[in-house]
Structures are given as C-alpha cells and as structure tokens.
Protein backbone atom coordinates (compact mmCIF):
# COMPACT_ATOMS: atom_id res chain seq x y z
CA MET A 1 79.38 96.81 85.22
CA THR A 2 81.60 95.07 87.74
CA ARG A 3 79.42 91.95 87.81
CA ALA A 4 79.44 91.87 84.01
CA GLY A 5 83.23 92.17 83.87
CA ILE A 6 83.16 95.59 82.19
CA GLN A 7 85.99 97.88 83.17
CA ARG A 8 85.09 101.03 81.20
CA ALA A 9 82.07 102.37 79.35
CA LEU A 10 80.88 105.41 77.45
CA VAL A 11 78.31 107.81 78.89
CA LEU A 12 76.54 109.29 75.89
CA SER A 13 74.57 112.51 76.13
CA ASN A 14 71.19 112.58 74.40
CA GLY A 15 71.21 116.36 74.21
CA TYR A 16 70.44 116.23 70.49
CA LEU A 17 66.87 115.29 71.37
CA ALA A 18 66.18 118.82 72.61
CA GLU A 19 66.39 120.12 69.04
CA SER A 20 65.02 117.03 67.34
CA PRO A 21 62.02 117.40 64.99
CA MET A 22 60.78 114.11 66.44
CA MET A 23 60.05 115.82 69.77
CA GLY A 24 57.09 117.78 68.41
CA GLN A 25 56.86 121.56 68.68
CA GLN A 26 60.31 123.10 69.07
CA ARG A 27 60.84 124.72 72.46
CA ALA A 28 62.29 128.19 72.59
CA ASP A 29 64.96 127.00 75.02
CA ALA A 30 65.91 123.90 73.00
CA ALA A 31 69.53 125.00 72.59
CA ASP A 32 69.81 125.63 76.33
CA LEU A 33 68.40 122.16 77.04
CA MET A 34 70.95 120.61 74.68
CA ARG A 35 73.81 122.34 76.46
CA ALA A 36 72.42 121.44 79.89
CA ALA A 37 72.22 117.76 78.91
CA ASN A 38 75.85 117.85 77.83
CA ASP A 39 76.87 119.59 81.05
CA TRP A 40 75.11 116.92 83.12
CA THR A 41 76.70 114.06 81.19
CA VAL A 42 80.21 115.43 81.61
CA ARG A 43 79.68 116.10 85.32
CA PHE A 44 78.46 112.53 85.82
CA ALA A 45 81.42 110.98 84.01
CA ARG A 46 83.86 113.12 85.98
CA ARG A 47 82.53 111.57 89.19
CA TYR A 48 83.83 108.18 88.01
CA PRO A 49 86.85 108.96 85.82
CA ARG A 50 88.19 105.41 85.98
CA LYS A 51 84.90 103.96 84.76
CA PHE A 52 83.41 106.38 82.25
CA SER A 53 84.31 108.51 79.24
CA ALA A 54 81.86 111.32 78.41
CA PHE A 55 80.48 112.04 74.95
CA ILE A 56 78.57 115.25 74.37
CA ALA A 57 75.77 115.34 71.77
CA VAL A 58 74.83 117.73 68.98
CA ASP A 59 72.32 117.86 66.14
CA PRO A 60 74.61 118.05 63.10
CA ILE A 61 72.26 120.06 60.90
CA ARG A 62 71.50 122.73 63.51
CA PRO A 63 73.49 125.98 63.74
CA THR A 64 74.25 125.13 67.36
CA ALA A 65 76.38 122.08 66.45
CA LEU A 66 79.73 123.66 65.66
CA PRO A 67 79.65 126.19 68.56
CA GLU A 68 78.82 123.37 70.98
CA ILE A 69 81.76 121.29 69.78
CA ALA A 70 83.99 124.36 70.15
CA ARG A 71 82.70 124.87 73.70
CA TRP A 72 84.14 121.53 74.78
CA ARG A 73 87.32 121.64 72.75
CA GLY A 74 90.34 120.91 74.95
CA ASN A 75 88.24 119.72 77.91
CA PRO A 76 90.00 116.59 79.22
CA ALA A 77 86.73 115.17 80.58
CA VAL A 78 85.21 114.88 77.10
CA ALA A 79 86.30 112.03 74.84
CA GLY A 80 83.91 112.51 71.92
CA ILE A 81 80.56 113.48 70.45
CA LYS A 82 77.38 111.51 69.85
CA LEU A 83 75.27 112.00 66.69
CA HIS A 84 71.87 110.46 65.97
CA LEU A 85 70.82 110.87 62.34
CA THR A 86 67.33 109.42 62.86
CA ALA A 87 66.49 111.82 65.67
CA SER A 88 68.01 114.76 63.82
CA GLY A 89 66.16 114.06 60.58
CA VAL A 90 69.37 113.89 58.54
CA ASP A 91 69.03 112.58 54.98
CA LEU A 92 72.27 111.29 53.50
CA ARG A 93 70.86 111.88 50.02
CA ARG A 94 70.30 115.59 50.69
CA ASP A 95 73.37 117.61 49.74
CA SER A 96 72.98 120.24 52.45
CA ASP A 97 72.75 117.58 55.17
CA VAL A 98 75.85 115.81 53.87
CA VAL A 99 77.79 119.08 53.88
CA ALA A 100 76.68 119.89 57.43
CA LEU A 101 77.52 116.41 58.67
CA GLY A 102 80.95 116.60 57.05
CA ALA A 103 81.58 119.92 58.82
CA VAL A 104 80.74 118.33 62.16
CA PHE A 105 83.09 115.43 61.46
CA ARG A 106 85.83 117.92 60.56
CA ALA A 107 85.23 119.95 63.72
CA ALA A 108 85.36 116.79 65.85
CA ALA A 109 88.65 115.81 64.26
CA GLU A 110 90.13 119.25 64.85
CA ALA A 111 89.01 119.10 68.49
CA ARG A 112 90.46 115.59 68.81
CA LEU A 113 87.05 114.18 69.76
CA ALA A 114 85.97 110.70 68.74
CA ILE A 115 82.57 110.19 67.10
CA VAL A 116 79.76 107.78 67.92
CA ILE A 117 77.04 107.95 65.28
CA HIS A 118 73.63 106.36 64.92
CA LEU A 119 73.90 106.29 61.15
CA ARG A 120 70.55 104.93 60.03
CA THR A 121 68.22 107.63 58.80
CA GLN A 122 64.44 107.87 58.64
CA ARG A 123 64.34 106.85 54.96
CA MET A 124 62.26 103.74 54.36
CA ASP A 125 64.74 102.66 51.68
CA TYR A 126 67.85 103.29 53.79
CA GLY A 127 70.77 101.10 52.84
CA ALA A 128 73.73 100.85 50.48
CA PRO A 129 73.22 104.18 48.62
CA ASP A 130 73.32 106.08 51.93
CA ILE A 131 76.47 104.28 53.06
CA ARG A 132 78.25 104.96 49.80
CA ARG A 133 77.49 108.68 50.20
CA PHE A 134 78.66 108.58 53.82
CA VAL A 135 81.91 106.80 52.98
CA ASP A 136 82.69 109.04 50.01
CA ASP A 137 81.56 112.46 51.24
CA VAL A 138 81.46 112.46 55.05
CA LEU A 139 83.90 109.94 56.50
CA PRO A 140 87.05 111.50 54.93
CA ALA A 141 86.40 114.66 56.98
CA ALA A 142 87.12 112.67 60.16
CA GLY A 143 90.72 112.06 59.14
CA HIS A 144 92.28 109.74 61.71
CA THR A 145 89.53 110.35 64.27
CA PRO A 146 87.89 107.14 65.58
CA VAL A 147 84.31 106.68 64.38
CA GLN A 148 81.97 104.18 66.04
CA ILE A 149 78.80 103.28 64.13
CA SER A 150 75.98 102.27 66.44
CA HIS A 151 73.91 99.11 66.04
CA ALA A 152 76.16 97.94 63.17
CA GLY A 153 74.67 100.59 60.90
CA GLY A 154 71.03 99.90 61.76
CA TRP A 155 68.81 100.88 64.67
CA GLY A 156 68.36 97.56 66.43
CA GLY A 157 67.21 94.26 64.99
CA ILE A 158 68.34 92.65 61.74
CA ASP A 159 66.47 93.63 58.60
CA ALA A 160 67.16 94.13 54.91
CA ALA A 161 68.18 97.77 55.44
CA THR A 162 70.79 96.91 58.08
CA LEU A 163 72.23 94.10 55.97
CA SER A 164 72.30 96.37 52.91
CA ALA A 165 74.16 99.04 54.86
CA LEU A 166 76.71 96.58 56.24
CA GLY A 167 77.11 95.07 52.80
CA ALA A 168 78.09 98.49 51.43
CA PHE A 169 80.67 98.86 54.19
CA ALA A 170 82.03 95.41 53.33
CA ASP A 171 82.35 96.50 49.70
CA ALA A 172 84.18 99.66 50.82
CA VAL A 173 86.62 97.61 52.89
CA LYS A 174 87.34 95.37 49.93
CA THR A 175 87.87 98.33 47.58
CA ASN A 176 90.05 100.38 49.95
CA PRO A 177 90.62 98.95 53.46
CA ARG A 178 92.45 102.09 54.63
CA ARG A 179 89.29 104.18 54.33
CA LEU A 180 87.75 102.28 57.24
CA ARG A 181 90.86 101.76 59.34
CA HIS A 182 89.48 104.10 62.06
CA VAL A 183 85.89 102.84 61.87
CA TRP A 184 84.25 100.47 64.35
CA PHE A 185 80.75 98.99 64.49
CA ASP A 186 79.14 98.28 67.84
CA LEU A 187 76.93 95.25 68.35
CA SER A 188 74.38 96.93 70.56
CA GLY A 189 70.92 95.45 70.08
CA VAL A 190 71.63 94.30 66.54
CA TRP A 191 69.86 90.97 66.90
CA THR A 192 66.80 90.28 69.03
CA ASP A 193 64.59 87.37 70.02
CA ASN A 194 62.74 87.97 66.73
CA SER A 195 65.84 87.60 64.54
CA SER A 196 65.83 84.40 62.50
CA ALA A 197 68.73 81.98 62.21
CA ALA A 198 69.15 82.98 58.56
CA GLU A 199 69.36 86.69 59.49
CA LYS A 200 71.98 85.96 62.12
CA GLN A 201 74.01 83.93 59.64
CA SER A 202 73.83 86.82 57.15
CA LEU A 203 75.04 89.21 59.83
CA VAL A 204 77.95 86.95 60.75
CA ALA A 205 78.97 86.65 57.11
CA LEU A 206 79.17 90.44 56.86
CA ILE A 207 81.09 90.73 60.13
CA ARG A 208 83.67 88.35 58.70
CA ARG A 209 83.84 90.24 55.40
CA ILE A 210 84.41 93.56 57.13
CA GLY A 211 86.82 92.08 59.67
CA LEU A 212 86.40 91.10 63.32
CA ARG A 213 88.71 93.86 64.52
CA HIS A 214 86.13 96.44 63.40
CA PHE A 215 83.42 95.21 65.81
CA LEU A 216 82.96 96.20 69.43
CA PRO A 217 80.87 94.71 72.24
CA ALA A 218 78.16 97.11 73.40
CA SER A 219 74.78 96.98 75.10
CA ASP A 220 73.10 100.43 74.96
CA TRP A 221 72.19 99.67 78.57
CA PRO A 222 69.73 100.36 80.18
CA TYR A 223 67.54 100.54 77.06
CA ASN A 224 67.94 96.86 76.19
CA GLY A 225 66.00 95.85 79.31
CA ASP A 226 68.47 93.15 80.39
CA SER A 227 71.11 93.20 83.07
CA LEU A 228 74.57 93.72 81.64
CA ALA A 229 75.74 90.33 82.89
CA ASP A 230 72.77 88.57 81.26
CA TYR A 231 73.16 90.53 78.04
CA PHE A 232 76.77 89.51 77.52
CA SER A 233 76.49 85.96 78.84
CA ARG A 234 73.22 85.01 77.09
CA VAL A 235 72.18 87.39 74.31
CA TYR A 236 75.63 87.76 72.80
CA LEU A 237 76.13 84.03 72.48
CA GLU A 238 73.03 83.77 70.28
CA LEU A 239 75.06 85.03 67.33
CA PRO A 240 76.70 82.07 65.52
CA LEU A 241 80.32 83.12 65.79
CA THR A 242 83.04 80.69 66.88
CA GLN A 243 84.49 80.92 70.38
CA LYS A 244 87.71 82.26 68.90
CA GLU A 245 85.82 84.95 67.00
CA TRP A 246 83.88 85.96 70.10
CA ALA A 247 87.13 86.21 72.04
CA ILE A 248 88.50 88.64 69.46
CA ILE A 249 85.42 90.86 69.50
CA ARG A 250 85.08 90.89 73.27
CA ASN A 251 88.71 91.96 73.60
CA ASN A 252 88.42 94.78 71.06
CA VAL A 253 88.77 98.21 72.62
CA ALA A 254 88.41 101.43 70.66
CA PRO A 255 91.16 103.99 71.39
CA TYR A 256 88.88 106.56 73.03
CA ALA A 257 87.70 104.01 75.61
CA MET A 258 91.19 104.15 77.10
CA TYR A 259 91.00 107.87 77.92
C-alpha cells in the first residue's frame, strides 16, 4: 500500500460465503463460521487502525443477517457491511429478496454502517431491469448511508450486462440526481486485458454520464493478481479518460474511508 501511494483501504469480510448456496452442502455451523470471519476481519483491522476500516459481511436473505448487523452496532472498529448478491443467490426480480435486502439496508442505516455491495446477480439477463428495481425499492432504505457498488455494477470485465446496469444508473441520475447522491461505484477489475477499445469507450461514456465524483479507485487486491503499484500505474491508465478526469477519480474518497 505504501509503495502504491495508498493511505487507507477497506478490509472486507467474506463471511457471507459460509451461508452461500454456491458453497455446496450447507454446514451445520455455517452461521458460526460467518460470525467468526467477521470477528477475524475486525480484529485484523484494529491492529492497523490508521490503515484499515473493517466491513463485516452478511447474507441478506438469511435470518442471521439482521442479528449480525445488530451485534456490531455501535462498535467503533466497524465502518460498514459487505453484501455479495451473486454469492447469496439474491434475485432482484423476486419480491421476497427485494424486501429482505431493503431490510438489511435499513438496518445498516440505523446502525450508521456504510454498505459495499456486489450488485450483479446470477441472472443471465442481469441488467437495467434489476437496477431499476434496486433504485426504486432498495436504495431508498439506505437513507443518507453511503453505498459503494463493486465493479461498477458488474462482476469484473466489461460486457453487455455491466453496460446495461450502468446505463440504468445513468438514467436514474438524469431523472433524479439526488437519489444517487450517496452512491459510489468502484473501478475494481472492471476492464481486463480482454476488454476491447470499444467496450472501454462505452464504459467511459457512462462514467461521464453518471458523473466522475461517483467513481472510486479500487483494486480488490490480492484477487486481481497484480501488485497494487502496477495495478494503479499500468492497468488504470488503460481506460481512455483524460489526465484531468483521472486526477478527479483518484482523489475521490468515500466518507467511510476517513473513519
């Protein structure tokens, strides 16, 4: 981090994986594993309070989600919660899932915890319809709570689904900018060596439509396989933004990163 010029970073628990349907047969102690992962993450971040902010993790459609958020409420070492809709099997077109996700957003807001969410779901036709449902029926529950959307609404790489999702956010900003005033998109792994010039241009066009202030530098390190210094000095510059635009994005800091 020091070599890459990064002063602070988020340490995100992956405790939601313990209860994920993607992990195969559900273990009897899955809830205990989820809590243990959150405990470990918070302990680690507390060792380096000037470098890291800790985010616990929950599966938003499990009955353990709200009690786990309540368990950390008021803990000064915890800045937010991490949600992963793909891993949790959330479907934004299923009413019960939307209600459960909204309840988690509301609980986070009441606990004054920021939210980082991997928004893309498992649906093969994920895109604008899912984002419209999220913006209309889930996001308002967060109130003024900061919400960071991972991978610019996708799950890494640029494809039609990611561009469709970002396009719906751009439409929402145009219709009512205040609805997204506390929303940020991180640029972790959004474009890869396989992304075409046309795809990168399409992404840049949507970044400009939504507004540069809504985008945050991020790496998802160590999963990207590059050193942090290489990632930000080489990979980031592959996106065709101007130097002035890059300067704006690289200086953006979400409020919870200052905790």
